[in-house]
Every structure is written in structure tokens, then in C-alpha cells.
N, C-alpha and C. Protein backbone atom coordinates (compact mmCIF):
# COMPACT_ATOMS: atom_id res chain seq x y z
N MET A 1 0.82 -1.21 0.00
CA MET A 1 0.00 0.00 0.00
C MET A 1 0.86 1.26 0.00
N LEU A 2 1.90 1.28 0.84
CA LEU A 2 2.77 2.46 0.92
C LEU A 2 3.45 2.72 -0.42
N LYS A 3 3.84 1.64 -1.12
CA LYS A 3 4.47 1.79 -2.44
C LYS A 3 3.48 2.45 -3.41
N PHE A 4 2.21 2.06 -3.34
CA PHE A 4 1.19 2.66 -4.19
C PHE A 4 1.03 4.14 -3.88
N VAL A 5 1.00 4.49 -2.61
CA VAL A 5 0.83 5.89 -2.20
C VAL A 5 2.01 6.72 -2.70
N ILE A 6 3.22 6.20 -2.57
CA ILE A 6 4.40 6.93 -3.04
C ILE A 6 4.33 7.11 -4.55
N LYS A 7 3.96 6.05 -5.29
CA LYS A 7 3.83 6.17 -6.75
C LYS A 7 2.75 7.21 -7.10
N TYR A 8 1.66 7.24 -6.32
CA TYR A 8 0.60 8.21 -6.56
C TYR A 8 1.15 9.63 -6.44
N TYR A 9 1.89 9.89 -5.35
CA TYR A 9 2.45 11.22 -5.14
C TYR A 9 3.39 11.61 -6.27
N ILE A 10 4.22 10.69 -6.70
CA ILE A 10 5.21 10.99 -7.75
C ILE A 10 4.52 11.22 -9.08
N CYS A 11 3.52 10.39 -9.41
CA CYS A 11 2.89 10.47 -10.72
C CYS A 11 1.83 11.56 -10.82
N ASN A 12 1.17 11.88 -9.72
CA ASN A 12 0.01 12.75 -9.79
C ASN A 12 0.20 14.13 -9.19
N ALA A 13 1.35 14.43 -8.68
CA ALA A 13 1.58 15.75 -8.11
C ALA A 13 2.99 16.18 -8.42
N MET A 14 3.11 17.47 -8.65
CA MET A 14 4.48 17.95 -8.85
C MET A 14 5.21 17.84 -7.52
N THR A 15 6.53 17.79 -7.61
CA THR A 15 7.31 17.66 -6.40
C THR A 15 7.41 19.01 -5.71
N THR A 16 6.86 19.09 -4.52
CA THR A 16 6.97 20.28 -3.69
C THR A 16 7.61 19.88 -2.38
N PRO A 17 8.34 20.79 -1.75
CA PRO A 17 9.01 20.43 -0.50
C PRO A 17 8.04 20.34 0.66
N ILE A 18 8.56 19.95 1.80
CA ILE A 18 7.78 19.87 3.03
C ILE A 18 8.19 21.04 3.90
N PHE A 19 7.27 21.99 4.09
CA PHE A 19 7.57 23.22 4.81
C PHE A 19 7.87 22.95 6.28
N ASN A 20 8.90 23.63 6.77
CA ASN A 20 9.27 23.54 8.18
C ASN A 20 9.35 24.96 8.72
N LEU A 21 8.37 25.37 9.51
CA LEU A 21 8.27 26.74 9.99
C LEU A 21 9.52 27.18 10.75
N GLU A 22 10.01 26.35 11.66
CA GLU A 22 11.18 26.74 12.45
C GLU A 22 12.42 26.92 11.59
N HIS A 23 12.65 25.98 10.66
CA HIS A 23 13.79 26.11 9.76
C HIS A 23 13.66 27.36 8.89
N ALA A 24 12.47 27.56 8.35
CA ALA A 24 12.25 28.68 7.44
C ALA A 24 12.43 30.02 8.16
N LEU A 25 11.80 30.17 9.30
CA LEU A 25 11.91 31.44 10.04
C LEU A 25 13.34 31.71 10.48
N ASN A 26 14.03 30.69 10.93
CA ASN A 26 15.41 30.89 11.39
C ASN A 26 16.35 31.14 10.21
N ALA A 27 16.11 30.53 9.08
CA ALA A 27 16.90 30.84 7.89
C ALA A 27 16.64 32.29 7.46
N PHE A 28 15.38 32.69 7.49
CA PHE A 28 15.00 34.07 7.17
C PHE A 28 15.72 35.05 8.10
N MET A 29 15.68 34.78 9.40
CA MET A 29 16.31 35.65 10.39
C MET A 29 17.83 35.65 10.23
N TYR A 30 18.39 34.50 9.92
CA TYR A 30 19.83 34.40 9.70
C TYR A 30 20.27 35.33 8.57
N VAL A 31 19.56 35.26 7.46
CA VAL A 31 19.89 36.10 6.31
C VAL A 31 19.63 37.57 6.63
N ALA A 32 18.48 37.88 7.21
CA ALA A 32 18.14 39.28 7.52
C ALA A 32 19.16 39.94 8.44
N ASN A 33 19.76 39.18 9.33
CA ASN A 33 20.74 39.72 10.25
C ASN A 33 22.13 39.86 9.64
N ARG A 34 22.34 39.34 8.45
CA ARG A 34 23.68 39.34 7.87
C ARG A 34 23.81 40.11 6.56
N LEU A 35 22.71 40.63 6.07
CA LEU A 35 22.75 41.45 4.86
C LEU A 35 22.90 42.92 5.23
N ASP A 36 23.60 43.67 4.41
CA ASP A 36 23.68 45.12 4.61
C ASP A 36 22.39 45.80 4.18
N ILE A 37 21.77 45.27 3.13
CA ILE A 37 20.50 45.80 2.63
C ILE A 37 19.46 44.71 2.83
N THR A 38 18.45 45.00 3.62
CA THR A 38 17.52 43.94 4.06
C THR A 38 16.12 44.04 3.45
N ASP A 39 16.04 44.36 2.17
CA ASP A 39 14.72 44.36 1.53
C ASP A 39 14.24 42.93 1.34
N ILE A 40 12.95 42.76 1.35
CA ILE A 40 12.32 41.44 1.24
C ILE A 40 12.77 40.72 -0.03
N HIS A 41 12.80 41.43 -1.13
CA HIS A 41 13.20 40.82 -2.41
C HIS A 41 14.58 40.17 -2.29
N ARG A 42 15.53 40.87 -1.73
CA ARG A 42 16.90 40.37 -1.60
C ARG A 42 16.94 39.16 -0.67
N ILE A 43 16.26 39.24 0.47
CA ILE A 43 16.24 38.13 1.42
C ILE A 43 15.65 36.88 0.75
N PHE A 44 14.54 37.05 0.04
CA PHE A 44 13.89 35.92 -0.61
C PHE A 44 14.78 35.29 -1.68
N LYS A 45 15.51 36.11 -2.44
CA LYS A 45 16.37 35.56 -3.49
C LYS A 45 17.57 34.84 -2.88
N VAL A 46 18.15 35.39 -1.82
CA VAL A 46 19.27 34.71 -1.14
C VAL A 46 18.79 33.36 -0.62
N LEU A 47 17.60 33.32 -0.04
CA LEU A 47 17.04 32.05 0.45
C LEU A 47 16.80 31.08 -0.70
N TYR A 48 16.28 31.57 -1.82
CA TYR A 48 16.02 30.69 -2.96
C TYR A 48 17.31 30.02 -3.44
N PHE A 49 18.35 30.81 -3.64
CA PHE A 49 19.60 30.24 -4.14
C PHE A 49 20.23 29.30 -3.12
N ALA A 50 20.10 29.60 -1.83
CA ALA A 50 20.62 28.70 -0.79
C ALA A 50 19.81 27.41 -0.75
N ASP A 51 18.48 27.51 -0.81
CA ASP A 51 17.62 26.32 -0.82
C ASP A 51 17.94 25.43 -2.02
N LYS A 52 18.08 26.06 -3.18
CA LYS A 52 18.34 25.31 -4.42
C LYS A 52 19.66 24.55 -4.33
N GLN A 53 20.70 25.22 -3.85
CA GLN A 53 22.01 24.57 -3.79
C GLN A 53 22.03 23.50 -2.70
N HIS A 54 21.37 23.77 -1.57
CA HIS A 54 21.34 22.78 -0.48
C HIS A 54 20.59 21.53 -0.93
N LEU A 55 19.54 21.71 -1.71
CA LEU A 55 18.78 20.58 -2.24
C LEU A 55 19.68 19.69 -3.10
N SER A 56 20.48 20.29 -3.95
CA SER A 56 21.39 19.51 -4.80
C SER A 56 22.49 18.83 -3.98
N ASN A 57 23.03 19.55 -3.02
CA ASN A 57 24.17 19.03 -2.26
C ASN A 57 23.80 18.06 -1.14
N TYR A 58 22.63 18.29 -0.51
CA TYR A 58 22.28 17.52 0.70
C TYR A 58 20.91 16.85 0.63
N LEU A 59 20.30 16.86 -0.56
CA LEU A 59 19.05 16.14 -0.83
C LEU A 59 17.83 16.72 -0.12
N ARG A 60 17.93 17.93 0.39
CA ARG A 60 16.78 18.60 1.00
C ARG A 60 17.01 20.11 0.95
N PRO A 61 15.93 20.88 0.80
CA PRO A 61 16.09 22.33 0.90
C PRO A 61 16.25 22.75 2.37
N ILE A 62 16.62 23.97 2.61
CA ILE A 62 16.78 24.45 3.98
C ILE A 62 15.43 24.79 4.59
N THR A 63 14.64 25.60 3.90
CA THR A 63 13.38 26.09 4.47
C THR A 63 12.22 25.12 4.28
N GLY A 64 12.25 24.37 3.20
CA GLY A 64 11.11 23.52 2.87
C GLY A 64 9.95 24.31 2.31
N ASP A 65 10.17 25.59 2.03
CA ASP A 65 9.09 26.43 1.50
C ASP A 65 8.89 26.15 0.02
N THR A 66 7.69 26.39 -0.46
CA THR A 66 7.37 26.28 -1.87
C THR A 66 7.56 27.65 -2.50
N TYR A 67 8.34 27.70 -3.57
CA TYR A 67 8.59 28.98 -4.25
C TYR A 67 7.55 29.21 -5.34
N ILE A 68 7.04 30.44 -5.35
CA ILE A 68 6.06 30.86 -6.33
C ILE A 68 6.78 31.69 -7.38
N ALA A 69 6.47 31.47 -8.65
CA ALA A 69 7.09 32.23 -9.75
C ALA A 69 6.37 33.56 -9.90
N MET A 70 6.85 34.57 -9.20
CA MET A 70 6.26 35.90 -9.29
C MET A 70 7.05 36.73 -10.31
N ASP A 71 6.55 37.91 -10.63
CA ASP A 71 7.16 38.73 -11.68
C ASP A 71 8.64 38.99 -11.43
N ASP A 72 9.03 39.26 -10.19
CA ASP A 72 10.44 39.55 -9.89
C ASP A 72 11.25 38.31 -9.56
N GLY A 73 10.69 37.12 -9.75
CA GLY A 73 11.42 35.88 -9.50
C GLY A 73 10.77 35.03 -8.43
N PRO A 74 11.46 33.97 -7.99
CA PRO A 74 10.91 33.05 -6.99
C PRO A 74 10.70 33.71 -5.63
N VAL A 75 9.53 33.43 -5.04
CA VAL A 75 9.18 33.95 -3.72
C VAL A 75 8.69 32.79 -2.86
N PRO A 76 9.27 32.61 -1.64
CA PRO A 76 8.81 31.53 -0.77
C PRO A 76 7.43 31.85 -0.20
N THR A 77 6.45 31.05 -0.56
CA THR A 77 5.05 31.40 -0.30
C THR A 77 4.71 31.53 1.19
N ASN A 78 5.15 30.60 2.02
CA ASN A 78 4.81 30.67 3.44
C ASN A 78 5.51 31.83 4.13
N LEU A 79 6.78 32.05 3.80
CA LEU A 79 7.49 33.19 4.38
C LEU A 79 6.89 34.51 3.90
N TYR A 80 6.46 34.55 2.66
CA TYR A 80 5.81 35.77 2.16
C TYR A 80 4.51 36.03 2.91
N ASP A 81 3.76 34.99 3.20
CA ASP A 81 2.54 35.15 4.00
C ASP A 81 2.86 35.69 5.39
N ILE A 82 3.95 35.22 5.97
CA ILE A 82 4.37 35.70 7.30
C ILE A 82 4.76 37.18 7.22
N VAL A 83 5.49 37.54 6.18
CA VAL A 83 5.88 38.95 5.99
C VAL A 83 4.63 39.82 5.86
N LYS A 84 3.65 39.36 5.07
CA LYS A 84 2.40 40.12 4.93
C LYS A 84 1.67 40.22 6.26
N GLU A 85 1.72 39.16 7.06
CA GLU A 85 1.11 39.17 8.39
C GLU A 85 1.76 40.23 9.27
N VAL A 86 3.09 40.26 9.28
CA VAL A 86 3.82 41.26 10.08
C VAL A 86 3.51 42.66 9.58
N ASP A 87 3.36 42.79 8.28
CA ASP A 87 3.06 44.08 7.67
C ASP A 87 1.56 44.40 7.74
N ASN A 88 0.80 43.57 8.44
CA ASN A 88 -0.65 43.74 8.61
C ASN A 88 -1.42 43.73 7.30
N ARG A 89 -0.97 42.90 6.37
CA ARG A 89 -1.65 42.80 5.09
C ARG A 89 -2.19 41.41 4.82
N GLY A 90 -2.15 40.54 5.79
CA GLY A 90 -2.63 39.19 5.52
C GLY A 90 -2.73 38.35 6.78
N HIS A 91 -3.08 37.11 6.57
CA HIS A 91 -3.20 36.12 7.65
C HIS A 91 -2.29 34.95 7.31
N TRP A 92 -1.62 34.43 8.31
CA TRP A 92 -0.77 33.27 8.09
C TRP A 92 -1.53 32.03 8.51
N ASN A 93 -1.74 31.11 7.57
CA ASN A 93 -2.49 29.87 7.82
C ASN A 93 -3.87 30.15 8.41
N GLY A 94 -4.48 31.25 7.98
CA GLY A 94 -5.84 31.56 8.41
C GLY A 94 -5.94 32.12 9.81
N GLU A 95 -4.84 32.35 10.48
CA GLU A 95 -4.88 32.86 11.85
C GLU A 95 -4.01 34.10 11.96
N ARG A 96 -4.36 34.95 12.90
CA ARG A 96 -3.52 36.12 13.20
C ARG A 96 -2.44 35.65 14.16
N LYS A 97 -1.20 35.68 13.72
CA LYS A 97 -0.09 35.28 14.57
C LYS A 97 0.95 36.38 14.62
N SER A 98 0.53 37.61 14.34
CA SER A 98 1.49 38.69 14.19
C SER A 98 2.31 38.93 15.45
N MET A 99 1.75 38.67 16.63
CA MET A 99 2.51 38.92 17.86
C MET A 99 3.75 38.03 17.92
N ILE A 100 3.62 36.78 17.49
CA ILE A 100 4.76 35.87 17.48
C ILE A 100 5.79 36.37 16.47
N PHE A 101 5.35 36.69 15.27
CA PHE A 101 6.26 37.07 14.20
C PHE A 101 6.86 38.45 14.42
N THR A 102 6.07 39.41 14.95
CA THR A 102 6.60 40.76 15.16
C THR A 102 7.62 40.80 16.28
N SER A 103 7.69 39.78 17.10
CA SER A 103 8.76 39.73 18.10
C SER A 103 10.09 39.40 17.42
N LEU A 104 10.03 38.84 16.21
CA LEU A 104 11.24 38.48 15.48
C LEU A 104 11.74 39.60 14.57
N PHE A 105 10.79 40.27 13.88
CA PHE A 105 11.18 41.32 12.93
C PHE A 105 10.00 42.23 12.65
N SER A 106 10.33 43.40 12.10
CA SER A 106 9.30 44.32 11.63
C SER A 106 9.62 44.69 10.18
N ILE A 107 8.63 45.27 9.52
CA ILE A 107 8.74 45.65 8.11
C ILE A 107 8.43 47.14 7.99
N ASN A 108 9.29 47.89 7.28
CA ASN A 108 8.96 49.30 7.09
C ASN A 108 8.14 49.47 5.81
N LYS A 109 7.74 50.69 5.52
CA LYS A 109 6.84 50.94 4.38
C LYS A 109 7.48 50.60 3.03
N ASN A 110 8.81 50.55 2.97
CA ASN A 110 9.50 50.19 1.73
C ASN A 110 9.85 48.71 1.65
N MET A 111 9.26 47.92 2.55
CA MET A 111 9.45 46.47 2.59
C MET A 111 10.88 46.06 2.95
N PHE A 112 11.48 46.81 3.85
CA PHE A 112 12.77 46.43 4.43
C PHE A 112 12.52 45.77 5.78
N VAL A 113 13.29 44.75 6.08
CA VAL A 113 13.15 44.01 7.32
C VAL A 113 14.07 44.60 8.38
N LYS A 114 13.52 44.78 9.58
CA LYS A 114 14.34 45.16 10.73
C LYS A 114 14.28 43.99 11.71
N PRO A 115 15.37 43.20 11.79
CA PRO A 115 15.37 42.06 12.72
C PRO A 115 15.40 42.53 14.17
N HIS A 116 14.64 41.85 15.02
CA HIS A 116 14.66 42.14 16.46
C HIS A 116 15.45 41.09 17.23
N LYS A 117 15.70 39.97 16.58
CA LYS A 117 16.47 38.87 17.18
C LYS A 117 17.31 38.23 16.09
N ASP A 118 18.32 37.51 16.49
CA ASP A 118 19.08 36.72 15.53
C ASP A 118 18.45 35.33 15.41
N ALA A 119 18.87 34.59 14.45
CA ALA A 119 18.37 33.23 14.26
C ALA A 119 18.78 32.36 15.44
N ASP A 120 17.92 31.41 15.76
CA ASP A 120 18.25 30.38 16.74
C ASP A 120 18.97 29.28 15.97
N LEU A 121 20.27 29.20 16.14
CA LEU A 121 21.08 28.28 15.35
C LEU A 121 20.80 26.81 15.67
N ASP A 122 20.06 26.54 16.75
CA ASP A 122 19.67 25.16 17.04
C ASP A 122 18.77 24.59 15.95
N PHE A 123 18.11 25.46 15.19
CA PHE A 123 17.20 25.02 14.13
C PHE A 123 17.88 24.90 12.78
N LEU A 124 19.15 25.31 12.68
CA LEU A 124 19.86 25.27 11.41
C LEU A 124 21.06 24.34 11.53
N SER A 125 21.22 23.47 10.55
CA SER A 125 22.36 22.55 10.56
C SER A 125 23.62 23.27 10.08
N ILE A 126 24.74 22.63 10.24
CA ILE A 126 26.00 23.19 9.75
C ILE A 126 25.92 23.41 8.24
N SER A 127 25.34 22.44 7.53
CA SER A 127 25.23 22.59 6.07
C SER A 127 24.26 23.72 5.70
N ASP A 128 23.18 23.90 6.49
CA ASP A 128 22.26 25.02 6.25
C ASP A 128 23.03 26.34 6.32
N ILE A 129 23.79 26.51 7.39
CA ILE A 129 24.53 27.75 7.62
C ILE A 129 25.58 27.97 6.53
N GLU A 130 26.27 26.91 6.14
CA GLU A 130 27.27 27.04 5.08
C GLU A 130 26.65 27.52 3.77
N GLU A 131 25.51 26.93 3.38
CA GLU A 131 24.87 27.33 2.13
C GLU A 131 24.27 28.73 2.24
N LEU A 132 23.72 29.09 3.40
CA LEU A 132 23.21 30.44 3.58
C LEU A 132 24.35 31.45 3.47
N ASP A 133 25.48 31.16 4.11
CA ASP A 133 26.64 32.06 4.04
C ASP A 133 27.13 32.22 2.60
N LYS A 134 27.21 31.12 1.86
CA LYS A 134 27.65 31.19 0.46
C LYS A 134 26.69 32.03 -0.38
N SER A 135 25.40 31.85 -0.14
CA SER A 135 24.39 32.59 -0.90
C SER A 135 24.43 34.08 -0.54
N ILE A 136 24.60 34.38 0.74
CA ILE A 136 24.72 35.78 1.16
C ILE A 136 25.92 36.43 0.47
N GLU A 137 27.05 35.73 0.48
CA GLU A 137 28.27 36.27 -0.12
C GLU A 137 28.11 36.47 -1.62
N LYS A 138 27.51 35.51 -2.29
CA LYS A 138 27.41 35.56 -3.75
C LYS A 138 26.31 36.50 -4.24
N TYR A 139 25.17 36.55 -3.54
CA TYR A 139 24.01 37.28 -4.05
C TYR A 139 23.59 38.47 -3.20
N GLY A 140 24.07 38.57 -1.99
CA GLY A 140 23.58 39.57 -1.04
C GLY A 140 23.77 41.02 -1.43
N ALA A 141 24.77 41.33 -2.21
CA ALA A 141 25.03 42.72 -2.57
C ALA A 141 24.60 43.07 -4.00
N LEU A 142 24.00 42.11 -4.70
CA LEU A 142 23.57 42.37 -6.08
C LEU A 142 22.36 43.29 -6.11
N SER A 143 22.19 43.98 -7.21
CA SER A 143 21.05 44.89 -7.37
C SER A 143 19.75 44.12 -7.50
N HIS A 144 18.66 44.81 -7.24
CA HIS A 144 17.32 44.24 -7.38
C HIS A 144 17.14 43.69 -8.80
N GLU A 145 17.55 44.46 -9.78
CA GLU A 145 17.37 44.08 -11.18
C GLU A 145 18.17 42.83 -11.53
N LEU A 146 19.43 42.78 -11.06
CA LEU A 146 20.26 41.62 -11.37
C LEU A 146 19.74 40.37 -10.67
N LEU A 147 19.30 40.51 -9.42
CA LEU A 147 18.72 39.36 -8.71
C LEU A 147 17.48 38.84 -9.44
N SER A 148 16.65 39.75 -9.92
CA SER A 148 15.47 39.33 -10.68
C SER A 148 15.88 38.60 -11.95
N THR A 149 16.84 39.16 -12.66
CA THR A 149 17.27 38.57 -13.93
C THR A 149 17.83 37.16 -13.73
N ILE A 150 18.74 36.99 -12.77
CA ILE A 150 19.36 35.67 -12.62
C ILE A 150 18.42 34.64 -11.99
N SER A 151 17.37 35.11 -11.32
CA SER A 151 16.41 34.15 -10.76
C SER A 151 15.34 33.77 -11.77
N HIS A 152 15.32 34.43 -12.93
CA HIS A 152 14.39 34.10 -14.01
C HIS A 152 14.99 33.02 -14.91
N ALA A 153 15.42 31.94 -14.29
CA ALA A 153 16.10 30.86 -15.01
C ALA A 153 15.10 29.74 -15.34
N TYR A 154 15.64 28.56 -15.60
CA TYR A 154 14.88 27.41 -16.10
C TYR A 154 13.57 27.15 -15.33
N ALA A 155 13.66 27.00 -14.02
CA ALA A 155 12.47 26.64 -13.22
C ALA A 155 11.42 27.74 -13.28
N TRP A 156 11.85 28.98 -13.16
CA TRP A 156 10.92 30.12 -13.21
C TRP A 156 10.27 30.21 -14.58
N GLN A 157 11.06 30.02 -15.64
CA GLN A 157 10.55 30.13 -17.00
C GLN A 157 9.51 29.05 -17.31
N ARG A 158 9.59 27.90 -16.66
CA ARG A 158 8.68 26.80 -16.93
C ARG A 158 7.48 26.78 -15.98
N THR A 159 7.28 27.89 -15.29
CA THR A 159 6.17 27.98 -14.34
C THR A 159 5.30 29.17 -14.70
N SER A 160 3.99 28.97 -14.69
CA SER A 160 3.07 30.08 -14.91
C SER A 160 3.23 31.09 -13.78
N ARG A 161 3.09 32.38 -14.10
CA ARG A 161 3.23 33.41 -13.06
C ARG A 161 2.25 33.15 -11.93
N ASN A 162 2.74 33.36 -10.73
CA ASN A 162 1.99 33.19 -9.49
C ASN A 162 1.58 31.75 -9.21
N SER A 163 2.34 30.82 -9.77
CA SER A 163 2.12 29.39 -9.51
C SER A 163 3.36 28.80 -8.83
N ALA A 164 3.16 27.64 -8.20
CA ALA A 164 4.26 26.98 -7.49
C ALA A 164 5.29 26.42 -8.47
N MET A 165 6.55 26.61 -8.13
CA MET A 165 7.65 26.08 -8.93
C MET A 165 7.92 24.64 -8.49
N ASP A 166 8.07 23.76 -9.45
CA ASP A 166 8.31 22.34 -9.21
C ASP A 166 9.77 22.12 -8.82
N LEU A 167 9.99 21.37 -7.74
CA LEU A 167 11.36 21.06 -7.32
C LEU A 167 12.14 20.33 -8.42
N ASP A 168 11.44 19.53 -9.21
CA ASP A 168 12.11 18.83 -10.31
C ASP A 168 12.79 19.84 -11.25
N ASN A 169 12.07 20.91 -11.59
CA ASN A 169 12.62 21.93 -12.48
C ASN A 169 13.72 22.74 -11.79
N ILE A 170 13.59 22.95 -10.50
CA ILE A 170 14.64 23.65 -9.75
C ILE A 170 15.92 22.81 -9.80
N LEU A 171 15.78 21.51 -9.64
CA LEU A 171 16.95 20.62 -9.72
C LEU A 171 17.52 20.59 -11.14
N ARG A 172 16.66 20.57 -12.16
CA ARG A 172 17.15 20.62 -13.54
C ARG A 172 17.91 21.92 -13.79
N GLU A 173 17.40 23.01 -13.22
CA GLU A 173 18.08 24.30 -13.33
C GLU A 173 19.50 24.22 -12.75
N ASN A 174 19.65 23.39 -11.74
CA ASN A 174 20.95 23.21 -11.10
C ASN A 174 21.82 22.19 -11.82
N GLY A 175 21.30 21.63 -12.93
CA GLY A 175 22.09 20.69 -13.72
C GLY A 175 21.99 19.24 -13.27
N GLU A 176 21.01 18.93 -12.42
CA GLU A 176 20.87 17.56 -11.92
C GLU A 176 20.19 16.67 -12.98
N GLY A 177 20.57 15.39 -12.98
CA GLY A 177 20.02 14.41 -13.92
C GLY A 177 18.70 13.83 -13.45
N GLU A 178 18.05 13.13 -14.35
CA GLU A 178 16.71 12.60 -14.07
C GLU A 178 16.71 11.52 -12.98
N ASP A 179 17.75 10.70 -12.89
CA ASP A 179 17.81 9.70 -11.82
C ASP A 179 17.88 10.35 -10.45
N PHE A 180 18.70 11.38 -10.33
CA PHE A 180 18.81 12.13 -9.07
C PHE A 180 17.48 12.77 -8.72
N ILE A 181 16.83 13.38 -9.70
CA ILE A 181 15.54 14.05 -9.48
C ILE A 181 14.49 13.03 -9.04
N LYS A 182 14.48 11.86 -9.66
CA LYS A 182 13.53 10.82 -9.28
C LYS A 182 13.77 10.37 -7.83
N HIS A 183 15.03 10.25 -7.46
CA HIS A 183 15.38 9.86 -6.08
C HIS A 183 14.85 10.89 -5.08
N ILE A 184 15.03 12.17 -5.35
CA ILE A 184 14.53 13.23 -4.47
C ILE A 184 13.01 13.17 -4.39
N ALA A 185 12.35 13.01 -5.54
CA ALA A 185 10.88 12.94 -5.57
C ALA A 185 10.37 11.77 -4.75
N GLU A 186 11.04 10.61 -4.83
CA GLU A 186 10.64 9.44 -4.05
C GLU A 186 10.83 9.69 -2.56
N ASP A 187 11.94 10.32 -2.18
CA ASP A 187 12.18 10.63 -0.76
C ASP A 187 11.09 11.54 -0.21
N ILE A 188 10.76 12.59 -0.96
CA ILE A 188 9.73 13.54 -0.51
C ILE A 188 8.37 12.86 -0.46
N ALA A 189 8.06 12.06 -1.47
CA ALA A 189 6.77 11.34 -1.48
C ALA A 189 6.67 10.38 -0.30
N PHE A 190 7.77 9.72 0.04
CA PHE A 190 7.78 8.80 1.19
C PHE A 190 7.46 9.56 2.49
N VAL A 191 8.11 10.69 2.68
CA VAL A 191 7.87 11.48 3.91
C VAL A 191 6.43 11.99 3.92
N LYS A 192 5.94 12.46 2.78
CA LYS A 192 4.54 12.95 2.71
C LYS A 192 3.56 11.82 2.99
N ALA A 193 3.86 10.62 2.50
CA ALA A 193 2.96 9.49 2.71
C ALA A 193 2.90 9.10 4.18
N LEU A 194 3.98 9.32 4.90
CA LEU A 194 4.01 9.00 6.33
C LEU A 194 3.34 10.07 7.18
N SER A 195 3.18 11.24 6.62
CA SER A 195 2.60 12.37 7.38
C SER A 195 1.10 12.21 7.57
């Protein structure tokens, strides 16, 4: 039965990660505390490139967030909902949780993040931190326009605007082969089937 369920997930649904709120928030806070310019767009792109590379290197993304192909590039949907919640423009998972999130950071009118705390490193692995640091170094100082341009790559191009980007295409964008992609899809389907 479990084999059937896993095959169902692989054949009938695109591969999406498994969101982890603690990992995602702490990765977000880690990046926000280490960038000189803390606009949401920049933080989201640094996270995207770190998630993408960590997925290829360690078989899992850091945040587990699903990236949406928006006009300016990939945006992590759950973290974006949290940002909108802090900015009083939305609800996260249908509930008002702004008190929890606003203790971590605030957002100004130009969508810049002001961190109130640093990341809790207990929620981030050594490999998470290494990939976040590499992504901050490589992408953290790039212009808004350049970040948008380089994030409009294979996976983004193959996704309808405002739709979820498939992890399979993100891995293809990273140059991964079909056997590797199938292995990742099976691992994710197995974990989802157990949930």
C-alpha cells in the first residue's frame, strides 16, 4: 500500500518540498541579520539560491518552502505570507499570529526588514549555515534588477506566473540528472505518505 501511495504522489503531483516553519523562520532571520541591505526581495532571493544549492548538495532544501514564480522571480510562499502578516496585510495559515512574528522582525513601508532577534542556530544545521553564508556572499550585494534577472532561469521560465515552482525543475536548473531528481521525488513522497 505504501508503495502505491508513493507512486501516486510521484505520478500525480508535482514535487513540492515539506515546509518547516522553524527552519524557514530561522533561515530568514539568519539572512536578515547578515545582509547590509535587508529588503524582502533580496532576502527571498538569497534564500532561494541557498535552498536550491542545499537541495542539490544535501538532498533537501533548507526552508522547505514552496517557491512561487512571481514577476520579480521566486518567492517563498509561506514566508511571504508571514511577511504580509507582520506588515498587517494578511493572515498566516488563516490565523492572526502577528505577535509571534513581530517579536522576530518588523517591516517598514518600503518592505525592508528590521530584525529584532538573531536566528536560533539550534534550528539550522551546519550545512544550512554554510549554504546560507555562500548565498549571502554571492548574491547579497547584487542589485534588485540583477537578482530578478538571474532568478528568471529554467524553473521560473517553466512555471506560470503566481504558480508553485516544481522542485524537479529547480533541480534541472541546477544541472541535476533525471535519476537524481527521481530519487529526491521518491524521498519527498515517502515522507509525505508517512505524514
